[in-house]
């Protein structure tokens, strides 16, 4: 039986309506009726898991340089937009639990830090969500990171993340003990959807920002989408994101 997941995920917290990968974004998604949020976790220069997408600081903060070389004292003093700071993974986890949100935690290692990042994220995810009613979902483009998550936190659900889905995707999902397939909506073909349907594997697509595209994807058999346009999908989110 296909695992049940919400139909709509708020991409990088609040999508384009709030600074990405911030607590403000997560709070906004919950206020708008979303029950699932996606965010990225990378390690700081001090090895602290933090929410940020890029390996460099320039696009999303007023800082400069590599995240992996920036100490916490500097990193947490930066402005991530509208006065928001870069959150630690612990803060984001606590907020998701407080709000009852399903968190899709994307392990986003800096270059060469797949193992270190995955070990910390997997172990901390177990700790932060111990006993939680709504359990999270870990995903990553890094298959080595998902292997580590499988071994260290087998009880935490995993999703394999691709741009274009390779021919051997199903065997990789089985090897990694993953429950879902995540991919670029623009690169998804019907062959993959047919295979996923036959295996009862939910397909989750990023990044879907137009109602017409979402409607077509759902009609084709996609289970869920990640969106930056939380404002466009609010009514549907409230109606169709009722649970896991």
Protein backbone atom coordinates (compact mmCIF):
# COMPACT_ATOMS: atom_id res chain seq x y z
CA UNK A 1 0.00 0.00 0.00
CA UNK A 2 1.34 3.44 -0.98
CA UNK A 3 2.55 5.47 2.04
CA UNK A 4 0.19 8.36 2.77
CA UNK A 5 1.75 11.81 2.48
CA UNK A 6 0.29 15.32 2.33
CA UNK A 7 -0.31 16.57 -1.20
CA UNK A 8 1.40 19.95 -0.70
CA UNK A 9 4.81 20.77 0.79
CA UNK A 10 5.93 24.34 1.45
CA UNK A 11 9.30 24.58 -0.31
CA UNK A 12 12.22 25.83 1.82
CA UNK A 13 9.82 26.81 4.57
CA UNK A 14 7.65 29.64 3.29
CA UNK A 15 8.50 29.55 -0.39
CA UNK A 16 8.70 33.05 -1.88
CA UNK A 17 6.48 34.57 0.81
CA UNK A 18 9.18 34.58 3.51
CA UNK A 19 12.97 34.36 3.68
CA UNK A 20 13.83 30.81 2.68
CA UNK A 21 14.88 28.21 5.23
CA UNK A 22 13.87 30.38 8.19
CA UNK A 23 11.60 29.93 11.17
CA UNK A 24 9.43 32.75 9.85
CA UNK A 25 8.84 30.74 6.69
CA UNK A 26 7.86 27.64 8.62
CA UNK A 27 5.45 29.63 10.78
CA UNK A 28 3.92 31.25 7.71
CA UNK A 29 3.36 27.88 6.03
CA UNK A 30 1.49 26.65 9.10
CA UNK A 31 -0.64 29.82 9.27
CA UNK A 32 -1.62 29.36 5.63
CA UNK A 33 -2.86 25.83 6.26
CA UNK A 34 0.09 23.73 5.12
CA UNK A 35 0.85 20.64 7.17
CA UNK A 36 4.19 19.81 5.52
CA UNK A 37 7.35 21.86 5.00
CA UNK A 38 10.64 21.13 3.29
CA UNK A 39 13.98 22.60 4.33
CA UNK A 40 17.71 22.06 3.73
CA UNK A 41 20.29 21.16 6.38
CA UNK A 42 24.03 21.81 5.99
CA UNK A 43 26.91 21.99 8.47
CA UNK A 44 28.48 25.25 9.62
CA UNK A 45 32.20 25.78 10.04
CA UNK A 46 31.80 24.54 13.61
CA UNK A 47 29.93 21.44 12.48
CA UNK A 48 26.51 22.67 13.59
CA UNK A 49 23.55 21.60 11.40
CA UNK A 50 21.83 24.73 10.11
CA UNK A 51 19.07 25.53 7.62
CA UNK A 52 20.51 26.86 4.38
CA UNK A 53 20.41 25.81 0.74
CA UNK A 54 23.56 27.18 -0.91
CA UNK A 55 27.14 26.31 -0.01
CA UNK A 56 27.85 30.05 -0.10
CA UNK A 57 26.22 32.80 1.93
CA UNK A 58 25.79 35.59 -0.60
CA UNK A 59 22.40 34.76 -2.17
CA UNK A 60 20.33 34.29 0.99
CA UNK A 61 22.18 36.34 3.63
CA UNK A 62 24.22 39.50 4.07
CA UNK A 63 27.32 37.37 4.66
CA UNK A 64 30.10 36.22 2.38
CA UNK A 65 32.04 33.01 1.91
CA UNK A 66 31.41 29.32 2.39
CA UNK A 67 28.92 28.05 4.97
CA UNK A 68 31.30 25.18 5.78
CA UNK A 69 34.05 27.68 6.68
CA UNK A 70 31.93 30.13 8.68
CA UNK A 71 31.93 29.75 12.48
CA UNK A 72 28.63 29.78 14.36
CA UNK A 73 29.35 33.13 16.00
CA UNK A 74 29.39 34.74 12.56
CA UNK A 75 26.76 32.56 10.91
CA UNK A 76 24.07 33.16 13.52
CA UNK A 77 24.67 36.93 13.45
CA UNK A 78 23.81 37.22 9.75
CA UNK A 79 20.57 38.56 8.33
CA UNK A 80 18.80 35.87 6.29
CA UNK A 81 16.19 38.39 5.10
CA UNK A 82 13.69 40.67 6.84
CA UNK A 83 15.68 40.48 10.04
CA UNK A 84 15.50 36.70 10.24
CA UNK A 85 18.55 34.71 11.28
CA UNK A 86 19.77 31.36 9.98
CA UNK A 87 18.11 28.75 12.21
CA UNK A 88 19.81 25.77 13.72
CA UNK A 89 18.34 22.37 12.91
CA UNK A 90 17.34 22.01 16.57
CA UNK A 91 15.21 25.17 16.40
CA UNK A 92 13.49 24.10 13.20
CA UNK A 93 12.76 20.64 14.59
CA UNK A 94 11.27 22.08 17.78
CA UNK A 95 9.08 24.46 15.78
CA UNK A 96 7.83 21.72 13.46
CA UNK A 97 6.92 19.57 16.44
CA UNK A 98 5.19 22.50 18.15
CA UNK A 99 3.12 23.23 15.02
CA UNK A 100 2.45 19.57 14.18
CA UNK A 101 4.13 19.86 10.78
CA UNK A 102 5.60 17.05 8.75
CA UNK A 103 9.20 18.05 8.03
CA UNK A 104 10.91 16.93 4.85
CA UNK A 105 14.54 17.31 5.89
CA UNK A 106 16.82 17.51 2.88
CA UNK A 107 20.38 16.54 3.76
CA UNK A 108 22.40 19.13 1.80
CA UNK A 109 26.08 18.38 2.33
CA UNK A 110 28.77 20.84 1.39
CA UNK A 111 31.36 19.38 -0.97
CA UNK A 112 33.10 16.43 0.67
CA UNK A 113 30.88 16.44 3.77
CA UNK A 114 28.29 13.81 2.82
CA UNK A 115 29.22 11.36 5.56
CA UNK A 116 29.68 13.91 8.34
CA UNK A 117 26.45 15.74 7.51
CA UNK A 118 24.39 12.58 7.16
CA UNK A 119 25.64 11.13 10.44
CA UNK A 120 24.70 14.22 12.40
CA UNK A 121 21.36 14.79 10.69
CA UNK A 122 20.30 11.15 11.03
CA UNK A 123 21.21 10.90 14.71
CA UNK A 124 19.69 14.26 15.59
CA UNK A 125 16.50 13.56 13.66
CA UNK A 126 15.97 10.46 15.78
CA UNK A 127 16.52 12.50 18.93
CA UNK A 128 14.50 15.58 17.98
CA UNK A 129 11.45 13.62 16.81
CA UNK A 130 11.47 10.88 19.43
CA UNK A 131 7.87 10.19 20.41
CA UNK A 132 6.49 12.80 18.00
CA UNK A 133 3.02 12.19 16.56
CA UNK A 134 4.09 13.45 13.13
CA UNK A 135 7.32 11.79 12.05
CA UNK A 136 9.63 13.43 9.49
CA UNK A 137 10.92 12.39 6.09
CA UNK A 138 14.61 12.59 5.18
CA UNK A 139 15.60 13.12 1.54
CA UNK A 140 18.80 13.88 -0.34
CA UNK A 141 20.42 13.97 -3.75
CA UNK A 142 23.38 12.29 -2.02
CA UNK A 143 22.92 8.53 -2.10
CA UNK A 144 25.85 8.02 0.31
CA UNK A 145 24.05 10.31 2.77
CA UNK A 146 20.86 8.26 2.44
CA UNK A 147 22.83 5.05 3.03
CA UNK A 148 24.07 6.49 6.31
CA UNK A 149 20.57 7.65 7.27
CA UNK A 150 19.29 4.14 6.52
CA UNK A 151 21.90 2.56 8.76
CA UNK A 152 21.81 5.06 11.65
CA UNK A 153 18.10 5.91 11.70
CA UNK A 154 16.24 3.09 9.95
CA UNK A 155 12.97 4.09 11.63
CA UNK A 156 12.99 7.53 9.93
CA UNK A 157 11.36 7.49 6.49
CA UNK A 158 13.56 8.29 3.52
CA UNK A 159 12.98 9.68 0.02
CA UNK A 160 15.45 9.48 -2.87
CA UNK A 161 15.91 12.80 -4.64
CA UNK A 162 16.83 13.13 -8.32
CA UNK A 163 16.63 15.74 -11.02
CA UNK A 164 16.00 13.38 -13.93
CA UNK A 165 15.03 9.93 -12.64
CA UNK A 166 17.53 7.22 -13.74
CA UNK A 167 16.49 3.85 -15.15
CA UNK A 168 17.62 2.02 -11.99
CA UNK A 169 15.64 4.20 -9.59
CA UNK A 170 13.51 1.36 -8.22
CA UNK A 171 16.50 -0.79 -7.29
CA UNK A 172 18.12 2.21 -5.60
CA UNK A 173 14.96 2.85 -3.56
CA UNK A 174 14.95 -0.78 -2.44
CA UNK A 175 18.66 -0.69 -1.58
CA UNK A 176 18.20 2.47 0.48
CA UNK A 177 14.97 1.32 2.10
CA UNK A 178 13.29 4.50 0.86
CA UNK A 179 9.54 5.01 0.66
CA UNK A 180 9.27 7.84 -1.87
CA UNK A 181 10.73 9.13 -5.13
CA UNK A 182 11.38 12.89 -5.43
CA UNK A 183 12.24 14.54 -8.75
CA UNK A 184 12.12 17.60 -10.99
CA UNK A 185 8.55 18.03 -12.24
CA UNK A 186 9.76 19.16 -15.66
CA UNK A 187 11.85 16.02 -16.17
CA UNK A 188 9.31 13.41 -15.04
CA UNK A 189 8.14 10.95 -17.69
CA UNK A 190 5.14 8.63 -17.79
CA UNK A 191 7.31 5.50 -17.77
CA UNK A 192 8.59 6.38 -14.30
CA UNK A 193 5.06 7.19 -13.12
CA UNK A 194 3.77 3.86 -14.40
CA UNK A 195 6.60 1.99 -12.68
CA UNK A 196 6.02 3.88 -9.44
CA UNK A 197 2.29 3.18 -9.54
CA UNK A 198 2.93 -0.53 -10.03
CA UNK A 199 5.22 -0.51 -6.98
CA UNK A 200 2.96 1.74 -4.85
CA UNK A 201 5.77 4.30 -4.54
CA UNK A 202 4.63 7.92 -4.11
CA UNK A 203 6.22 10.41 -6.51
CA UNK A 204 6.88 13.90 -5.16
CA UNK A 205 7.77 16.71 -7.59
CA UNK A 206 9.63 20.00 -7.20
CA UNK A 207 9.20 22.93 -7.75
CA UNK A 208 5.57 23.42 -8.84
CA UNK A 209 4.44 27.04 -8.86
CA UNK A 210 1.47 27.08 -11.22
CA UNK A 211 -2.02 25.71 -10.63
CA UNK A 212 -2.31 24.27 -14.13
CA UNK A 213 0.97 22.37 -13.76
CA UNK A 214 -0.09 21.00 -10.37
CA UNK A 215 -3.44 19.86 -11.75
CA UNK A 216 -1.78 18.04 -14.65
CA UNK A 217 0.76 16.37 -12.37
CA UNK A 218 -1.92 15.10 -10.01
CA UNK A 219 -3.95 13.80 -12.96
CA UNK A 220 -0.84 11.95 -14.16
CA UNK A 221 -0.49 10.22 -10.79
CA UNK A 222 1.97 12.40 -8.84
CA UNK A 223 1.31 12.13 -5.11
CA UNK A 224 2.65 15.46 -3.85
CA UNK A 225 4.40 18.64 -4.94
CA UNK A 226 6.77 21.16 -3.42
CA UNK A 227 5.77 24.76 -4.09
CA UNK A 228 7.17 28.24 -3.59
CA UNK A 229 3.75 29.79 -4.27
CA UNK A 230 2.02 29.08 -1.02
CA UNK A 231 -0.48 31.85 -1.77
CA UNK A 232 -1.74 30.14 -4.94
CA UNK A 233 -2.39 26.79 -3.33
CA UNK A 234 -3.78 27.78 0.06
CA UNK A 235 -7.40 26.57 -0.47
CA UNK A 236 -6.25 23.24 -1.87
CA UNK A 237 -3.64 22.88 0.83
CA UNK A 238 -6.23 23.27 3.55
CA UNK A 239 -8.64 20.86 1.89
CA UNK A 240 -6.23 18.14 0.83
CA UNK A 241 -3.33 18.15 3.29
CA UNK A 242 -5.23 16.55 6.09
CA UNK A 243 -2.64 14.04 7.26
CA UNK A 244 0.12 11.67 6.53
